[in-house]
N, C-alpha and C. Protein backbone atom coordinates (compact mmCIF):
# COMPACT_ATOMS: atom_id res chain seq x y z
N MET A 1 26.95 -9.58 13.02
CA MET A 1 27.40 -8.68 11.96
C MET A 1 26.44 -8.74 10.77
N THR A 2 26.14 -7.58 10.23
CA THR A 2 25.19 -7.51 9.12
C THR A 2 25.85 -7.92 7.80
N THR A 3 25.15 -8.78 7.06
CA THR A 3 25.61 -9.18 5.73
C THR A 3 25.03 -8.21 4.71
N VAL A 4 25.88 -7.58 3.90
CA VAL A 4 25.42 -6.65 2.87
C VAL A 4 25.46 -7.35 1.51
N LEU A 5 24.34 -7.33 0.82
CA LEU A 5 24.21 -7.96 -0.50
C LEU A 5 23.94 -6.87 -1.53
N LYS A 6 24.71 -6.86 -2.61
CA LYS A 6 24.48 -5.88 -3.67
C LYS A 6 23.68 -6.52 -4.79
N ILE A 7 22.69 -5.79 -5.28
CA ILE A 7 21.85 -6.30 -6.37
C ILE A 7 21.69 -5.23 -7.44
N SER A 8 21.20 -5.66 -8.60
CA SER A 8 20.76 -4.73 -9.64
C SER A 8 19.36 -5.17 -10.04
N GLU A 9 18.71 -4.40 -10.87
CA GLU A 9 17.35 -4.73 -11.28
C GLU A 9 17.31 -6.02 -12.09
N ASP A 10 18.45 -6.44 -12.63
CA ASP A 10 18.50 -7.66 -13.43
C ASP A 10 19.21 -8.81 -12.73
N ASP A 11 19.78 -8.56 -11.57
CA ASP A 11 20.57 -9.59 -10.90
C ASP A 11 20.30 -9.55 -9.39
N PHE A 12 19.29 -10.31 -8.97
CA PHE A 12 18.92 -10.29 -7.56
C PHE A 12 18.52 -11.67 -7.01
N GLU A 13 18.54 -12.70 -7.85
CA GLU A 13 18.07 -14.01 -7.40
C GLU A 13 18.94 -14.58 -6.27
N SER A 14 20.25 -14.36 -6.32
CA SER A 14 21.12 -14.89 -5.27
C SER A 14 20.81 -14.23 -3.93
N ALA A 15 20.44 -12.95 -3.97
CA ALA A 15 20.06 -12.25 -2.74
C ALA A 15 18.77 -12.84 -2.17
N ILE A 16 17.82 -13.15 -3.04
CA ILE A 16 16.58 -13.76 -2.59
C ILE A 16 16.85 -15.14 -1.97
N ASP A 17 17.82 -15.86 -2.51
CA ASP A 17 18.19 -17.16 -1.93
C ASP A 17 18.65 -17.00 -0.48
N VAL A 18 19.32 -15.89 -0.18
CA VAL A 18 19.80 -15.64 1.19
C VAL A 18 18.65 -15.18 2.09
N ILE A 19 17.78 -14.31 1.56
CA ILE A 19 16.71 -13.71 2.36
C ILE A 19 15.59 -14.70 2.66
N ASP A 20 15.32 -15.61 1.76
CA ASP A 20 14.21 -16.56 1.91
C ASP A 20 14.25 -17.29 3.26
N PRO A 21 15.33 -18.01 3.60
CA PRO A 21 15.35 -18.69 4.90
C PRO A 21 15.35 -17.73 6.08
N LEU A 22 15.92 -16.54 5.89
CA LEU A 22 15.91 -15.54 6.96
C LEU A 22 14.49 -15.14 7.31
N ILE A 23 13.69 -14.87 6.29
CA ILE A 23 12.29 -14.47 6.52
C ILE A 23 11.52 -15.60 7.20
N HIS A 24 11.73 -16.83 6.75
CA HIS A 24 10.99 -17.96 7.31
C HIS A 24 11.40 -18.28 8.74
N SER A 25 12.54 -17.72 9.18
CA SER A 25 12.95 -17.90 10.58
C SER A 25 12.69 -16.63 11.39
N ASP A 26 11.77 -15.80 10.89
CA ASP A 26 11.35 -14.54 11.54
C ASP A 26 12.49 -13.53 11.65
N GLY A 27 13.40 -13.54 10.67
CA GLY A 27 14.46 -12.55 10.63
C GLY A 27 13.98 -11.25 10.01
N VAL A 28 14.80 -10.23 10.16
CA VAL A 28 14.48 -8.89 9.67
C VAL A 28 15.62 -8.40 8.77
N PHE A 29 15.30 -7.70 7.70
CA PHE A 29 16.31 -7.25 6.75
C PHE A 29 15.97 -5.87 6.19
N VAL A 30 16.97 -5.21 5.62
CA VAL A 30 16.80 -3.90 4.98
C VAL A 30 16.91 -4.11 3.48
N TYR A 31 16.08 -3.42 2.71
CA TYR A 31 16.05 -3.64 1.26
C TYR A 31 15.54 -2.40 0.53
N PRO A 32 15.87 -2.29 -0.76
CA PRO A 32 15.37 -1.17 -1.56
C PRO A 32 14.02 -1.48 -2.18
N THR A 33 13.12 -0.51 -2.14
CA THR A 33 11.89 -0.61 -2.93
C THR A 33 12.04 0.37 -4.10
N ASP A 34 10.97 0.66 -4.78
CA ASP A 34 11.02 1.65 -5.85
C ASP A 34 11.00 3.07 -5.31
N THR A 35 10.61 3.23 -4.04
CA THR A 35 10.43 4.56 -3.46
C THR A 35 11.53 4.90 -2.45
N VAL A 36 11.58 4.17 -1.33
CA VAL A 36 12.61 4.37 -0.31
C VAL A 36 13.13 3.01 0.12
N TYR A 37 14.20 3.02 0.91
CA TYR A 37 14.68 1.77 1.51
C TYR A 37 13.75 1.39 2.67
N GLY A 38 13.51 0.09 2.80
CA GLY A 38 12.59 -0.36 3.81
C GLY A 38 13.19 -1.40 4.74
N ILE A 39 12.49 -1.64 5.86
CA ILE A 39 12.80 -2.75 6.75
C ILE A 39 11.68 -3.76 6.57
N GLY A 40 12.05 -5.02 6.38
CA GLY A 40 11.04 -6.03 6.11
C GLY A 40 11.20 -7.29 6.92
N GLY A 41 10.18 -8.11 6.84
CA GLY A 41 10.13 -9.40 7.48
C GLY A 41 8.75 -9.98 7.22
N LYS A 42 8.50 -11.15 7.75
CA LYS A 42 7.23 -11.83 7.51
C LYS A 42 6.08 -11.02 8.12
N ALA A 43 5.12 -10.63 7.29
CA ALA A 43 4.02 -9.77 7.75
C ALA A 43 3.06 -10.49 8.68
N GLY A 44 3.08 -11.81 8.66
CA GLY A 44 2.17 -12.58 9.51
C GLY A 44 2.75 -12.92 10.86
N SER A 45 3.95 -12.43 11.17
CA SER A 45 4.62 -12.76 12.42
C SER A 45 4.57 -11.60 13.41
N ALA A 46 3.93 -11.82 14.55
CA ALA A 46 3.88 -10.78 15.59
C ALA A 46 5.27 -10.50 16.14
N ASP A 47 6.14 -11.51 16.17
CA ASP A 47 7.50 -11.32 16.65
C ASP A 47 8.27 -10.38 15.74
N VAL A 48 8.09 -10.54 14.43
CA VAL A 48 8.76 -9.66 13.46
C VAL A 48 8.24 -8.23 13.60
N VAL A 49 6.95 -8.07 13.79
CA VAL A 49 6.37 -6.73 13.99
C VAL A 49 7.01 -6.06 15.20
N ARG A 50 7.15 -6.79 16.29
CA ARG A 50 7.78 -6.24 17.50
C ARG A 50 9.23 -5.85 17.23
N LYS A 51 9.96 -6.70 16.52
CA LYS A 51 11.36 -6.41 16.21
C LYS A 51 11.49 -5.12 15.41
N ILE A 52 10.67 -4.97 14.38
CA ILE A 52 10.77 -3.80 13.50
C ILE A 52 10.40 -2.52 14.25
N ASN A 53 9.35 -2.56 15.05
CA ASN A 53 8.98 -1.38 15.82
C ASN A 53 10.07 -1.00 16.81
N ALA A 54 10.73 -2.00 17.39
CA ALA A 54 11.81 -1.73 18.34
C ALA A 54 13.01 -1.11 17.63
N ILE A 55 13.34 -1.61 16.45
CA ILE A 55 14.47 -1.07 15.68
C ILE A 55 14.23 0.39 15.30
N LYS A 56 13.02 0.70 14.85
CA LYS A 56 12.70 2.05 14.40
C LYS A 56 12.35 3.00 15.56
N GLY A 57 11.98 2.43 16.72
CA GLY A 57 11.48 3.25 17.81
C GLY A 57 10.10 3.77 17.50
N SER A 58 9.31 2.94 16.79
CA SER A 58 7.98 3.34 16.34
C SER A 58 6.90 3.03 17.36
N ASP A 59 5.77 3.70 17.22
CA ASP A 59 4.58 3.44 18.03
C ASP A 59 4.03 2.06 17.64
N ALA A 60 4.05 1.13 18.58
CA ALA A 60 3.64 -0.24 18.29
C ALA A 60 2.16 -0.36 17.96
N SER A 61 1.37 0.67 18.26
CA SER A 61 -0.06 0.60 17.98
C SER A 61 -0.38 0.96 16.53
N LYS A 62 0.60 1.52 15.83
CA LYS A 62 0.36 1.90 14.44
C LYS A 62 0.58 0.71 13.51
N PRO A 63 -0.35 0.48 12.58
CA PRO A 63 -0.18 -0.65 11.65
C PRO A 63 0.97 -0.44 10.68
N LEU A 64 1.55 -1.53 10.23
CA LEU A 64 2.63 -1.50 9.24
C LEU A 64 2.07 -1.91 7.88
N SER A 65 2.57 -1.30 6.83
CA SER A 65 2.14 -1.68 5.48
C SER A 65 2.88 -2.93 5.02
N VAL A 66 2.35 -3.55 3.98
CA VAL A 66 2.97 -4.76 3.44
C VAL A 66 3.12 -4.62 1.94
N MET A 67 4.05 -5.40 1.39
CA MET A 67 4.15 -5.47 -0.07
C MET A 67 3.79 -6.87 -0.52
N VAL A 68 3.26 -6.96 -1.74
CA VAL A 68 2.79 -8.22 -2.29
C VAL A 68 3.38 -8.44 -3.67
N SER A 69 3.26 -9.67 -4.14
CA SER A 69 3.82 -10.01 -5.45
C SER A 69 2.85 -9.74 -6.59
N ASP A 70 1.54 -9.91 -6.31
CA ASP A 70 0.57 -9.84 -7.41
C ASP A 70 -0.83 -9.55 -6.87
N PHE A 71 -1.79 -9.44 -7.79
CA PHE A 71 -3.16 -9.12 -7.40
C PHE A 71 -3.83 -10.26 -6.65
N GLY A 72 -3.43 -11.48 -6.94
CA GLY A 72 -3.99 -12.62 -6.22
C GLY A 72 -3.69 -12.56 -4.74
N MET A 73 -2.50 -12.09 -4.38
CA MET A 73 -2.12 -11.96 -2.98
C MET A 73 -2.92 -10.85 -2.30
N ILE A 74 -3.22 -9.79 -3.05
CA ILE A 74 -4.09 -8.73 -2.50
C ILE A 74 -5.46 -9.30 -2.21
N ASP A 75 -6.03 -10.05 -3.14
CA ASP A 75 -7.36 -10.62 -2.97
C ASP A 75 -7.42 -11.58 -1.78
N GLU A 76 -6.30 -12.25 -1.52
CA GLU A 76 -6.26 -13.21 -0.42
C GLU A 76 -6.39 -12.52 0.94
N TYR A 77 -5.85 -11.31 1.04
CA TYR A 77 -5.82 -10.63 2.33
C TYR A 77 -6.76 -9.43 2.45
N CYS A 78 -7.20 -8.88 1.32
CA CYS A 78 -8.02 -7.67 1.36
C CYS A 78 -9.38 -7.89 0.72
N ASP A 79 -10.36 -7.18 1.24
CA ASP A 79 -11.73 -7.28 0.73
C ASP A 79 -11.90 -6.27 -0.39
N THR A 80 -11.80 -6.73 -1.62
CA THR A 80 -11.88 -5.83 -2.77
C THR A 80 -13.07 -6.19 -3.66
N GLY A 81 -13.56 -5.17 -4.37
CA GLY A 81 -14.62 -5.38 -5.34
C GLY A 81 -14.20 -4.86 -6.69
N ILE A 82 -15.15 -4.71 -7.60
CA ILE A 82 -14.84 -4.26 -8.96
C ILE A 82 -14.21 -2.88 -8.95
N TRP A 83 -14.73 -1.99 -8.10
CA TRP A 83 -14.22 -0.61 -8.03
C TRP A 83 -12.76 -0.59 -7.57
N GLU A 84 -12.48 -1.28 -6.48
CA GLU A 84 -11.12 -1.33 -5.97
C GLU A 84 -10.17 -1.99 -6.97
N ASP A 85 -10.62 -3.09 -7.56
CA ASP A 85 -9.78 -3.81 -8.53
C ASP A 85 -9.40 -2.93 -9.71
N SER A 86 -10.34 -2.11 -10.16
CA SER A 86 -10.05 -1.25 -11.32
C SER A 86 -8.95 -0.24 -10.99
N ILE A 87 -8.95 0.26 -9.76
CA ILE A 87 -7.92 1.22 -9.33
C ILE A 87 -6.58 0.52 -9.18
N LEU A 88 -6.59 -0.62 -8.51
CA LEU A 88 -5.34 -1.36 -8.29
C LEU A 88 -4.68 -1.72 -9.61
N ARG A 89 -5.46 -2.18 -10.56
CA ARG A 89 -4.89 -2.62 -11.83
C ARG A 89 -4.46 -1.45 -12.71
N ARG A 90 -4.99 -0.27 -12.42
CA ARG A 90 -4.58 0.91 -13.17
C ARG A 90 -3.23 1.44 -12.68
N TYR A 91 -3.02 1.38 -11.37
CA TYR A 91 -1.84 2.04 -10.79
C TYR A 91 -0.73 1.11 -10.31
N LEU A 92 -0.99 -0.17 -10.22
CA LEU A 92 0.03 -1.10 -9.73
C LEU A 92 0.54 -2.00 -10.85
N PRO A 93 1.83 -2.36 -10.80
CA PRO A 93 2.84 -1.96 -9.82
C PRO A 93 3.16 -0.46 -9.95
N GLY A 94 3.48 0.16 -8.82
CA GLY A 94 3.80 1.57 -8.84
C GLY A 94 4.08 2.11 -7.46
N PRO A 95 4.42 3.40 -7.35
CA PRO A 95 4.82 4.01 -6.09
C PRO A 95 3.63 4.46 -5.23
N TYR A 96 2.74 3.52 -4.96
CA TYR A 96 1.52 3.82 -4.22
C TYR A 96 1.31 2.82 -3.09
N THR A 97 0.68 3.31 -2.01
CA THR A 97 0.19 2.45 -0.93
C THR A 97 -1.31 2.62 -0.88
N PHE A 98 -2.06 1.55 -1.04
CA PHE A 98 -3.51 1.60 -0.98
C PHE A 98 -3.99 0.94 0.31
N ILE A 99 -4.82 1.65 1.06
CA ILE A 99 -5.36 1.11 2.30
C ILE A 99 -6.75 0.54 2.02
N MET A 100 -6.90 -0.73 2.40
CA MET A 100 -8.16 -1.44 2.13
C MET A 100 -8.60 -2.23 3.35
N LYS A 101 -9.85 -2.68 3.32
CA LYS A 101 -10.37 -3.50 4.42
C LYS A 101 -9.74 -4.89 4.36
N LEU A 102 -9.41 -5.40 5.53
CA LEU A 102 -8.82 -6.73 5.61
C LEU A 102 -9.88 -7.82 5.45
N ARG A 103 -9.50 -8.86 4.73
CA ARG A 103 -10.34 -10.04 4.59
C ARG A 103 -10.02 -11.04 5.70
N ARG A 104 -8.76 -11.04 6.14
CA ARG A 104 -8.30 -11.95 7.19
C ARG A 104 -7.26 -11.24 8.03
N PRO A 105 -7.14 -11.58 9.31
CA PRO A 105 -6.19 -10.89 10.18
C PRO A 105 -4.75 -11.13 9.74
N ILE A 106 -3.90 -10.15 10.03
CA ILE A 106 -2.47 -10.28 9.75
C ILE A 106 -1.74 -9.47 10.81
N ALA A 107 -0.62 -10.00 11.30
CA ALA A 107 0.08 -9.37 12.43
C ALA A 107 0.53 -7.95 12.14
N ALA A 108 0.86 -7.64 10.90
CA ALA A 108 1.35 -6.30 10.54
C ALA A 108 0.34 -5.21 10.85
N SER A 109 -0.93 -5.55 10.90
CA SER A 109 -1.98 -4.56 11.18
C SER A 109 -2.86 -5.04 12.32
N GLY A 110 -2.95 -4.22 13.36
CA GLY A 110 -3.84 -4.55 14.46
C GLY A 110 -5.22 -3.94 14.28
N THR A 111 -5.51 -3.48 13.06
CA THR A 111 -6.81 -2.88 12.76
C THR A 111 -7.54 -3.74 11.72
N ASP A 112 -8.67 -3.22 11.25
CA ASP A 112 -9.43 -3.95 10.23
C ASP A 112 -9.03 -3.52 8.82
N ARG A 113 -7.93 -2.78 8.71
CA ARG A 113 -7.46 -2.29 7.42
C ARG A 113 -5.99 -2.62 7.22
N LEU A 114 -5.57 -2.58 5.96
CA LEU A 114 -4.18 -2.90 5.65
C LEU A 114 -3.68 -2.01 4.52
N GLY A 115 -2.49 -1.44 4.71
CA GLY A 115 -1.84 -0.68 3.64
C GLY A 115 -1.05 -1.64 2.78
N VAL A 116 -1.31 -1.63 1.48
CA VAL A 116 -0.71 -2.60 0.57
C VAL A 116 0.07 -1.90 -0.53
N ARG A 117 1.28 -2.42 -0.80
CA ARG A 117 2.12 -1.95 -1.90
C ARG A 117 2.43 -3.10 -2.84
N MET A 118 2.50 -2.79 -4.12
CA MET A 118 3.07 -3.69 -5.11
C MET A 118 4.11 -2.84 -5.85
N PRO A 119 5.34 -2.82 -5.32
CA PRO A 119 6.35 -1.90 -5.83
C PRO A 119 6.68 -2.11 -7.31
N ASP A 120 7.09 -1.02 -7.93
CA ASP A 120 7.60 -1.06 -9.30
C ASP A 120 9.06 -1.51 -9.22
N SER A 121 9.24 -2.74 -8.72
CA SER A 121 10.56 -3.31 -8.48
C SER A 121 10.48 -4.82 -8.69
N ALA A 122 11.20 -5.30 -9.68
CA ALA A 122 11.18 -6.75 -9.96
C ALA A 122 11.72 -7.53 -8.77
N PHE A 123 12.71 -6.98 -8.07
CA PHE A 123 13.27 -7.65 -6.89
C PHE A 123 12.21 -7.82 -5.80
N CYS A 124 11.48 -6.75 -5.48
CA CYS A 124 10.47 -6.82 -4.42
C CYS A 124 9.37 -7.81 -4.75
N ARG A 125 8.89 -7.77 -5.98
CA ARG A 125 7.79 -8.67 -6.35
C ARG A 125 8.26 -10.12 -6.39
N ALA A 126 9.49 -10.35 -6.89
CA ALA A 126 10.03 -11.72 -6.94
C ALA A 126 10.25 -12.26 -5.53
N LEU A 127 10.67 -11.40 -4.62
CA LEU A 127 10.87 -11.81 -3.23
C LEU A 127 9.56 -12.26 -2.60
N CYS A 128 8.52 -11.45 -2.76
CA CYS A 128 7.20 -11.81 -2.20
C CYS A 128 6.67 -13.10 -2.83
N GLU A 129 6.91 -13.26 -4.12
CA GLU A 129 6.46 -14.47 -4.80
C GLU A 129 7.17 -15.70 -4.23
N ARG A 130 8.48 -15.59 -3.98
CA ARG A 130 9.23 -16.70 -3.41
C ARG A 130 8.73 -17.02 -2.00
N ILE A 131 8.50 -15.99 -1.19
CA ILE A 131 8.07 -16.19 0.19
C ILE A 131 6.65 -16.75 0.23
N GLY A 132 5.82 -16.33 -0.72
CA GLY A 132 4.45 -16.83 -0.79
C GLY A 132 3.47 -16.13 0.11
N GLU A 133 3.87 -15.00 0.68
CA GLU A 133 2.98 -14.22 1.55
C GLU A 133 3.49 -12.78 1.62
N PRO A 134 2.67 -11.86 2.14
CA PRO A 134 3.10 -10.47 2.20
C PRO A 134 4.34 -10.27 3.08
N VAL A 135 5.12 -9.25 2.74
CA VAL A 135 6.32 -8.88 3.48
C VAL A 135 6.13 -7.45 3.99
N ILE A 136 6.48 -7.22 5.25
CA ILE A 136 6.36 -5.87 5.81
C ILE A 136 7.22 -4.90 5.02
N THR A 137 6.67 -3.71 4.76
CA THR A 137 7.43 -2.66 4.10
C THR A 137 7.19 -1.35 4.84
N THR A 138 8.18 -0.95 5.61
CA THR A 138 8.15 0.32 6.33
C THR A 138 9.53 0.94 6.18
N SER A 139 9.59 2.26 6.08
CA SER A 139 10.86 2.91 5.76
C SER A 139 11.96 2.58 6.76
N ALA A 140 13.18 2.43 6.23
CA ALA A 140 14.34 2.03 7.03
C ALA A 140 14.99 3.24 7.70
N ASN A 141 14.20 3.89 8.56
CA ASN A 141 14.69 5.06 9.27
C ASN A 141 14.25 4.98 10.73
N LEU A 142 14.97 5.68 11.60
CA LEU A 142 14.52 5.83 12.98
C LEU A 142 13.29 6.72 12.96
N SER A 143 12.35 6.45 13.86
CA SER A 143 11.09 7.20 13.88
C SER A 143 11.33 8.70 13.91
N GLY A 144 10.68 9.42 12.99
CA GLY A 144 10.81 10.87 12.92
C GLY A 144 11.92 11.36 12.02
N LYS A 145 12.78 10.46 11.55
CA LYS A 145 13.89 10.84 10.67
C LYS A 145 13.51 10.65 9.21
N GLU A 146 14.31 11.22 8.32
CA GLU A 146 14.06 11.14 6.88
C GLU A 146 14.22 9.71 6.37
N ALA A 147 13.33 9.29 5.48
CA ALA A 147 13.43 7.95 4.89
C ALA A 147 14.57 7.93 3.87
N PRO A 148 15.46 6.94 3.92
CA PRO A 148 16.59 6.89 2.99
C PRO A 148 16.18 6.46 1.58
N VAL A 149 16.78 7.09 0.58
CA VAL A 149 16.50 6.72 -0.81
C VAL A 149 17.73 6.12 -1.49
N GLN A 150 18.83 6.02 -0.76
CA GLN A 150 20.00 5.29 -1.23
C GLN A 150 20.68 4.65 -0.01
N PHE A 151 21.44 3.61 -0.26
CA PHE A 151 21.97 2.78 0.81
C PHE A 151 22.80 3.58 1.80
N GLY A 152 23.60 4.51 1.32
CA GLY A 152 24.48 5.28 2.19
C GLY A 152 23.77 6.20 3.16
N GLU A 153 22.47 6.41 2.96
CA GLU A 153 21.69 7.27 3.86
C GLU A 153 21.09 6.51 5.05
N ILE A 154 21.21 5.20 5.05
CA ILE A 154 20.60 4.41 6.12
C ILE A 154 21.41 4.57 7.41
N ASP A 155 20.72 4.87 8.50
CA ASP A 155 21.37 5.06 9.79
C ASP A 155 22.10 3.79 10.22
N ARG A 156 23.30 3.97 10.77
CA ARG A 156 24.10 2.82 11.20
C ARG A 156 23.37 1.99 12.24
N LYS A 157 22.57 2.62 13.08
CA LYS A 157 21.80 1.89 14.10
C LYS A 157 20.82 0.92 13.44
N ILE A 158 20.25 1.34 12.34
CA ILE A 158 19.32 0.48 11.61
C ILE A 158 20.09 -0.71 11.03
N LEU A 159 21.18 -0.43 10.35
CA LEU A 159 21.95 -1.51 9.71
C LEU A 159 22.47 -2.51 10.73
N ASP A 160 22.91 -2.03 11.88
CA ASP A 160 23.46 -2.92 12.90
C ASP A 160 22.39 -3.77 13.58
N SER A 161 21.12 -3.45 13.34
CA SER A 161 20.02 -4.16 14.00
C SER A 161 19.41 -5.27 13.16
N VAL A 162 19.88 -5.42 11.91
CA VAL A 162 19.31 -6.44 11.02
C VAL A 162 20.39 -7.44 10.62
N GLN A 163 19.94 -8.62 10.19
CA GLN A 163 20.88 -9.66 9.79
C GLN A 163 21.42 -9.45 8.38
N VAL A 164 20.55 -8.94 7.49
CA VAL A 164 20.92 -8.76 6.08
C VAL A 164 20.46 -7.38 5.61
N ALA A 165 21.30 -6.73 4.82
CA ALA A 165 20.94 -5.45 4.21
C ALA A 165 21.25 -5.53 2.72
N VAL A 166 20.28 -5.17 1.90
CA VAL A 166 20.42 -5.25 0.44
C VAL A 166 20.68 -3.86 -0.13
N ASP A 167 21.77 -3.73 -0.85
CA ASP A 167 22.15 -2.46 -1.48
C ASP A 167 21.80 -2.53 -2.96
N GLY A 168 20.77 -1.78 -3.34
CA GLY A 168 20.35 -1.75 -4.74
C GLY A 168 20.62 -0.42 -5.40
N GLY A 169 21.47 0.41 -4.77
CA GLY A 169 21.73 1.74 -5.32
C GLY A 169 20.58 2.68 -5.02
N PRO A 170 20.56 3.85 -5.67
CA PRO A 170 19.46 4.80 -5.46
C PRO A 170 18.12 4.19 -5.88
N THR A 171 17.06 4.51 -5.17
CA THR A 171 15.74 3.99 -5.53
C THR A 171 15.23 4.68 -6.80
N LYS A 172 14.29 4.07 -7.45
CA LYS A 172 13.79 4.57 -8.73
C LYS A 172 13.15 5.95 -8.61
N TYR A 173 12.28 6.13 -7.62
CA TYR A 173 11.52 7.38 -7.52
C TYR A 173 12.11 8.37 -6.50
N ARG A 174 12.95 7.86 -5.59
CA ARG A 174 13.64 8.70 -4.61
C ARG A 174 12.68 9.53 -3.76
N LYS A 175 11.52 8.98 -3.50
CA LYS A 175 10.52 9.65 -2.66
C LYS A 175 9.54 8.60 -2.17
N ALA A 176 8.97 8.84 -1.00
CA ALA A 176 8.03 7.87 -0.42
C ALA A 176 6.80 7.70 -1.30
N SER A 177 6.09 6.60 -1.09
CA SER A 177 4.88 6.31 -1.86
C SER A 177 3.73 7.21 -1.44
N LEU A 178 2.86 7.49 -2.40
CA LEU A 178 1.61 8.17 -2.10
C LEU A 178 0.72 7.18 -1.35
N VAL A 179 0.01 7.65 -0.33
CA VAL A 179 -0.88 6.77 0.45
C VAL A 179 -2.32 7.20 0.22
N LEU A 180 -3.13 6.28 -0.29
CA LEU A 180 -4.54 6.55 -0.56
C LEU A 180 -5.42 5.54 0.16
N ASP A 181 -6.30 6.04 1.01
CA ASP A 181 -7.26 5.20 1.73
C ASP A 181 -8.46 4.96 0.83
N LEU A 182 -8.61 3.72 0.38
CA LEU A 182 -9.73 3.38 -0.51
C LEU A 182 -11.02 3.11 0.25
N VAL A 183 -10.96 3.08 1.58
CA VAL A 183 -12.16 2.88 2.39
C VAL A 183 -12.86 4.22 2.58
N ASP A 184 -12.11 5.22 3.03
CA ASP A 184 -12.68 6.55 3.28
C ASP A 184 -12.42 7.53 2.14
N LEU A 185 -11.78 7.06 1.08
CA LEU A 185 -11.46 7.89 -0.08
C LEU A 185 -10.73 9.17 0.32
N MET A 186 -9.59 8.97 0.98
CA MET A 186 -8.78 10.09 1.43
C MET A 186 -7.31 9.87 1.05
N GLN A 187 -6.68 10.92 0.56
CA GLN A 187 -5.24 10.85 0.34
C GLN A 187 -4.56 11.22 1.65
N LEU A 188 -3.78 10.29 2.20
CA LEU A 188 -3.16 10.49 3.49
C LEU A 188 -1.74 11.02 3.40
N ARG A 189 -1.10 10.84 2.25
CA ARG A 189 0.27 11.33 2.07
C ARG A 189 0.56 11.53 0.60
N LYS A 190 1.16 12.66 0.26
CA LYS A 190 1.62 12.88 -1.11
C LYS A 190 2.84 11.98 -1.33
N GLY A 191 3.09 11.66 -2.59
CA GLY A 191 4.19 10.75 -2.87
C GLY A 191 4.91 11.05 -4.15
N ALA A 192 5.65 10.05 -4.60
CA ALA A 192 6.49 10.19 -5.77
C ALA A 192 5.68 10.54 -7.02
N LYS A 193 4.49 10.00 -7.14
CA LYS A 193 3.62 10.29 -8.29
C LYS A 193 2.23 10.58 -7.77
N GLY A 194 1.54 11.47 -8.44
CA GLY A 194 0.19 11.83 -8.03
C GLY A 194 -0.84 10.82 -8.51
N ILE A 195 -2.06 11.02 -8.06
CA ILE A 195 -3.14 10.13 -8.44
C ILE A 195 -4.45 10.92 -8.44
N LYS A 196 -5.32 10.61 -9.35
CA LYS A 196 -6.63 11.24 -9.36
C LYS A 196 -7.55 10.39 -8.52
N ILE A 197 -8.07 10.96 -7.43
CA ILE A 197 -8.92 10.18 -6.53
C ILE A 197 -10.21 9.84 -7.27
N PRO A 198 -10.46 8.55 -7.46
CA PRO A 198 -11.61 8.13 -8.25
C PRO A 198 -12.92 8.20 -7.47
N LYS A 199 -14.01 8.31 -8.21
CA LYS A 199 -15.35 8.29 -7.58
C LYS A 199 -15.85 6.85 -7.57
N ARG A 200 -16.63 6.55 -6.54
CA ARG A 200 -17.22 5.21 -6.47
C ARG A 200 -18.35 5.09 -7.49
């Protein structure tokens, strides 16, 4: 049976206390970001990646994005320079996913690149800080269906497939994140807020 935890932007530490051991035991949970509700788990666990793809009915060959607590965590996993850093620090935290070259392998991505988010959500950043590593962030919807922006929109099949689900009310932006590939300088998806594609 799924445990539902209610949080607010100012009251979420008790929920993190519950999720912390779950993540470290390769568990999977549903949670609110600033954009849409997501399914998460330890980004470095191949078992967690398999679980999430099975729950969503997703193509297992497609990489999953991750969320991080701070810029130091980005530097640990992604190959960034002055140009990339200037963009990240201008727009993060915020409703954006930036795709960058990987510095080290991670199970969430079977490629040499990684989609990274630093949500405009104190809960998400505090959770990643507690865990000490990136957490998978992919929309909590069945493949091909609309991404939920409030708890009541999450498909029952999704909720029944996870151990813990966090209800944080409607998300801040109520729309998916903009996706910008910083390697090929391409906008891959429009999102909650626009961005001016910078020149190298």
